[in-house]
């Protein structure tokens, strides 16, 4: 089980408000997923979780792309590809979870935890780029 306070303290702080909000959103979704799994009420949490993941992609990732494009970030295409792959994976999990929610929700939680770690590391270059441009 994921402890809300422990998870909250592990959220990376970049100093860039929009990116920090992304990480907070990802962690909140993981916590909701974990709560649903551990309290055996995952069926009720599934719509909220997938809505949150779609909102993460359609709002936060797009906002990040817009900001990076504004400053002419040279690796923007690579980041867009990573965002698209995330969306593809989420849609695949949505299909799996619709068929067998209990078995695939734990797998999806692990995917989201690992993805968020990789995403932060992959995003470090973009974060440093934005900081060099004075973005907060």
C-alpha atoms as a PDB file:
ATOM      1  CA  UNK A   1       0.000   0.000   0.000  1.00  0.00           C
ATOM      2  CA  UNK A   2       1.274   3.478  -0.833  1.00  0.00           C
ATOM      3  CA  UNK A   3       1.268   5.922   2.058  1.00  0.00           C
ATOM      4  CA  UNK A   4      -0.069   9.332   0.984  1.00  0.00           C
ATOM      5  CA  UNK A   5       2.420  11.273   3.108  1.00  0.00           C
ATOM      6  CA  UNK A   6       5.409   9.203   1.980  1.00  0.00           C
ATOM      7  CA  UNK A   7       4.381   9.521  -1.650  1.00  0.00           C
ATOM      8  CA  UNK A   8       3.805  13.236  -1.305  1.00  0.00           C
ATOM      9  CA  UNK A   9       7.307  13.773   0.039  1.00  0.00           C
ATOM     10  CA  UNK A  10       8.847  11.809  -2.859  1.00  0.00           C
ATOM     11  CA  UNK A  11       7.323  14.012  -5.550  1.00  0.00           C
ATOM     12  CA  UNK A  12      10.185  15.751  -7.312  1.00  0.00           C
ATOM     13  CA  UNK A  13      10.131  19.520  -7.131  1.00  0.00           C
ATOM     14  CA  UNK A  14      11.561  21.109 -10.260  1.00  0.00           C
ATOM     15  CA  UNK A  15      10.784  24.737  -9.565  1.00  0.00           C
ATOM     16  CA  UNK A  16       8.680  24.856 -12.739  1.00  0.00           C
ATOM     17  CA  UNK A  17       5.038  25.099 -11.718  1.00  0.00           C
ATOM     18  CA  UNK A  18       3.470  23.284 -14.697  1.00  0.00           C
ATOM     19  CA  UNK A  19       5.883  20.369 -14.494  1.00  0.00           C
ATOM     20  CA  UNK A  20       5.516  20.114 -10.710  1.00  0.00           C
ATOM     21  CA  UNK A  21       1.740  19.915 -11.218  1.00  0.00           C
ATOM     22  CA  UNK A  22       2.262  17.020 -13.676  1.00  0.00           C
ATOM     23  CA  UNK A  23       4.223  15.044 -11.101  1.00  0.00           C
ATOM     24  CA  UNK A  24       1.642  15.785  -8.407  1.00  0.00           C
ATOM     25  CA  UNK A  25      -1.140  14.596 -10.726  1.00  0.00           C
ATOM     26  CA  UNK A  26       0.712  11.375 -11.578  1.00  0.00           C
ATOM     27  CA  UNK A  27       1.281  10.664  -7.884  1.00  0.00           C
ATOM     28  CA  UNK A  28      -2.373  11.399  -7.028  1.00  0.00           C
ATOM     29  CA  UNK A  29      -3.504   8.929  -9.699  1.00  0.00           C
ATOM     30  CA  UNK A  30      -1.136   6.250  -8.362  1.00  0.00           C
ATOM     31  CA  UNK A  31      -2.480   6.842  -4.841  1.00  0.00           C
ATOM     32  CA  UNK A  32      -6.104   6.567  -6.063  1.00  0.00           C
ATOM     33  CA  UNK A  33      -5.264   3.373  -7.911  1.00  0.00           C
ATOM     34  CA  UNK A  34      -3.521   1.928  -4.880  1.00  0.00           C
ATOM     35  CA  UNK A  35      -6.429   2.867  -2.613  1.00  0.00           C
ATOM     36  CA  UNK A  36      -8.902   1.185  -4.954  1.00  0.00           C
ATOM     37  CA  UNK A  37      -6.840  -1.984  -5.116  1.00  0.00           C
ATOM     38  CA  UNK A  38      -6.275  -2.208  -1.364  1.00  0.00           C
ATOM     39  CA  UNK A  39      -9.836  -1.396  -0.351  1.00  0.00           C
ATOM     40  CA  UNK A  40     -11.393  -3.737  -2.936  1.00  0.00           C
ATOM     41  CA  UNK A  41     -13.349  -0.878  -4.469  1.00  0.00           C
ATOM     42  CA  UNK A  42     -11.353  -0.605  -7.677  1.00  0.00           C
ATOM     43  CA  UNK A  43     -14.473  -0.801  -9.844  1.00  0.00           C
ATOM     44  CA  UNK A  44     -15.644   2.559  -8.478  1.00  0.00           C
ATOM     45  CA  UNK A  45     -12.194   4.166  -8.945  1.00  0.00           C
ATOM     46  CA  UNK A  46     -11.555   3.053 -12.534  1.00  0.00           C
ATOM     47  CA  UNK A  47     -13.435   5.874 -14.322  1.00  0.00           C
ATOM     48  CA  UNK A  48     -11.766   8.538 -12.156  1.00  0.00           C
ATOM     49  CA  UNK A  49      -8.327   7.000 -12.720  1.00  0.00           C
ATOM     50  CA  UNK A  50      -8.654   6.841 -16.495  1.00  0.00           C
ATOM     51  CA  UNK A  51     -10.174  10.311 -16.635  1.00  0.00           C
ATOM     52  CA  UNK A  52      -7.167  11.556 -14.655  1.00  0.00           C
ATOM     53  CA  UNK A  53      -4.727   9.837 -16.993  1.00  0.00           C
ATOM     54  CA  UNK A  54      -6.426  11.247 -20.083  1.00  0.00           C
ATOM     55  CA  UNK A  55      -6.497  14.718 -18.495  1.00  0.00           C
ATOM     56  CA  UNK A  56      -2.809  14.382 -17.651  1.00  0.00           C
ATOM     57  CA  UNK A  57      -2.065  13.725 -21.311  1.00  0.00           C
ATOM     58  CA  UNK A  58      -4.462  16.198 -22.890  1.00  0.00           C
ATOM     59  CA  UNK A  59      -3.742  19.067 -20.513  1.00  0.00           C
ATOM     60  CA  UNK A  60      -0.427  18.803 -18.688  1.00  0.00           C
ATOM     61  CA  UNK A  61       1.624  17.138 -21.414  1.00  0.00           C
ATOM     62  CA  UNK A  62       0.219  19.411 -24.099  1.00  0.00           C
ATOM     63  CA  UNK A  63       0.952  22.467 -21.936  1.00  0.00           C
ATOM     64  CA  UNK A  64       4.514  21.251 -21.504  1.00  0.00           C
ATOM     65  CA  UNK A  65       4.855  20.787 -25.267  1.00  0.00           C
ATOM     66  CA  UNK A  66       3.496  24.292 -25.921  1.00  0.00           C
ATOM     67  CA  UNK A  67       5.949  25.819 -23.442  1.00  0.00           C
ATOM     68  CA  UNK A  68       8.897  23.906 -24.901  1.00  0.00           C
ATOM     69  CA  UNK A  69       7.886  24.859 -28.453  1.00  0.00           C
ATOM     70  CA  UNK A  70       7.682  28.519 -27.415  1.00  0.00           C
ATOM     71  CA  UNK A  71      11.347  28.362 -26.390  1.00  0.00           C
ATOM     72  CA  UNK A  72      12.337  26.215 -29.400  1.00  0.00           C
ATOM     73  CA  UNK A  73      13.404  23.115 -27.438  1.00  0.00           C
ATOM     74  CA  UNK A  74      15.386  20.975 -29.886  1.00  0.00           C
ATOM     75  CA  UNK A  75      14.287  17.575 -28.490  1.00  0.00           C
ATOM     76  CA  UNK A  76      10.571  18.348 -28.510  1.00  0.00           C
ATOM     77  CA  UNK A  77       9.766  15.600 -31.034  1.00  0.00           C
ATOM     78  CA  UNK A  78      11.330  12.986 -28.759  1.00  0.00           C
ATOM     79  CA  UNK A  79       9.256  14.204 -25.817  1.00  0.00           C
ATOM     80  CA  UNK A  80       6.072  14.216 -27.917  1.00  0.00           C
ATOM     81  CA  UNK A  81       6.813  10.621 -28.912  1.00  0.00           C
ATOM     82  CA  UNK A  82       7.220   9.667 -25.259  1.00  0.00           C
ATOM     83  CA  UNK A  83       3.893  11.341 -24.431  1.00  0.00           C
ATOM     84  CA  UNK A  84       2.210   9.483 -27.324  1.00  0.00           C
ATOM     85  CA  UNK A  85       3.629   6.155 -26.136  1.00  0.00           C
ATOM     86  CA  UNK A  86       2.234   6.903 -22.670  1.00  0.00           C
ATOM     87  CA  UNK A  87      -1.207   7.519 -24.154  1.00  0.00           C
ATOM     88  CA  UNK A  88      -1.005   4.297 -26.191  1.00  0.00           C
ATOM     89  CA  UNK A  89      -0.096   2.345 -23.044  1.00  0.00           C
ATOM     90  CA  UNK A  90      -2.939   3.938 -21.064  1.00  0.00           C
ATOM     91  CA  UNK A  91      -5.444   3.033 -23.786  1.00  0.00           C
ATOM     92  CA  UNK A  92      -4.153  -0.532 -23.803  1.00  0.00           C
ATOM     93  CA  UNK A  93      -4.566  -0.730 -20.026  1.00  0.00           C
ATOM     94  CA  UNK A  94      -8.069   0.681 -20.334  1.00  0.00           C
ATOM     95  CA  UNK A  95      -8.994  -2.257 -22.572  1.00  0.00           C
ATOM     96  CA  UNK A  96      -7.347  -4.781 -20.241  1.00  0.00           C
ATOM     97  CA  UNK A  97      -8.900  -3.291 -17.100  1.00  0.00           C
ATOM     98  CA  UNK A  98     -12.360  -3.289 -18.696  1.00  0.00           C
ATOM     99  CA  UNK A  99     -12.069  -7.072 -19.090  1.00  0.00           C
ATOM    100  CA  UNK A 100     -10.359  -7.940 -15.793  1.00  0.00           C
ATOM    101  CA  UNK A 101     -10.106  -4.960 -13.420  1.00  0.00           C
ATOM    102  CA  UNK A 102      -8.590  -6.702 -10.431  1.00  0.00           C
ATOM    103  CA  UNK A 103      -5.753  -8.424 -12.230  1.00  0.00           C
ATOM    104  CA  UNK A 104      -4.651  -5.534 -14.428  1.00  0.00           C
ATOM    105  CA  UNK A 105      -4.965  -2.663 -11.948  1.00  0.00           C
ATOM    106  CA  UNK A 106      -1.937  -3.831  -9.971  1.00  0.00           C
ATOM    107  CA  UNK A 107       0.015  -4.193 -13.208  1.00  0.00           C
ATOM    108  CA  UNK A 108      -1.078  -0.703 -14.246  1.00  0.00           C
ATOM    109  CA  UNK A 109      -0.008   0.736 -10.877  1.00  0.00           C
ATOM    110  CA  UNK A 110       3.474  -0.745 -11.321  1.00  0.00           C
ATOM    111  CA  UNK A 111       3.591   0.622 -14.875  1.00  0.00           C
ATOM    112  CA  UNK A 112       2.668   4.130 -13.675  1.00  0.00           C
ATOM    113  CA  UNK A 113       5.242   4.097 -10.875  1.00  0.00           C
ATOM    114  CA  UNK A 114       8.016   2.950 -13.215  1.00  0.00           C
ATOM    115  CA  UNK A 115       6.884   5.289 -16.000  1.00  0.00           C
ATOM    116  CA  UNK A 116       6.866   8.310 -13.685  1.00  0.00           C
ATOM    117  CA  UNK A 117      10.436   7.554 -12.552  1.00  0.00           C
ATOM    118  CA  UNK A 118      11.639   7.195 -16.143  1.00  0.00           C
ATOM    119  CA  UNK A 119       9.682  10.285 -17.182  1.00  0.00           C
ATOM    120  CA  UNK A 120      11.339  12.419 -14.531  1.00  0.00           C
ATOM    121  CA  UNK A 121      14.796  11.260 -15.630  1.00  0.00           C
ATOM    122  CA  UNK A 122      13.929  11.741 -19.301  1.00  0.00           C
ATOM    123  CA  UNK A 123      12.554  15.193 -18.524  1.00  0.00           C
ATOM    124  CA  UNK A 124      15.620  16.489 -16.674  1.00  0.00           C
ATOM    125  CA  UNK A 125      17.102  17.904 -19.874  1.00  0.00           C
ATOM    126  CA  UNK A 126      13.868  19.756 -20.697  1.00  0.00           C
ATOM    127  CA  UNK A 127      13.614  21.018 -17.113  1.00  0.00           C
ATOM    128  CA  UNK A 128      17.152  22.417 -17.211  1.00  0.00           C
ATOM    129  CA  UNK A 129      16.424  23.960 -20.616  1.00  0.00           C
ATOM    130  CA  UNK A 130      13.306  25.711 -19.281  1.00  0.00           C
ATOM    131  CA  UNK A 131      15.130  26.911 -16.171  1.00  0.00           C
ATOM    132  CA  UNK A 132      17.850  28.381 -18.402  1.00  0.00           C
ATOM    133  CA  UNK A 133      15.091  30.362 -20.115  1.00  0.00           C
ATOM    134  CA  UNK A 134      13.798  31.660 -16.789  1.00  0.00           C
ATOM    135  CA  UNK A 135      10.583  29.600 -16.774  1.00  0.00           C
ATOM    136  CA  UNK A 136       9.103  29.090 -13.297  1.00  0.00           C
END
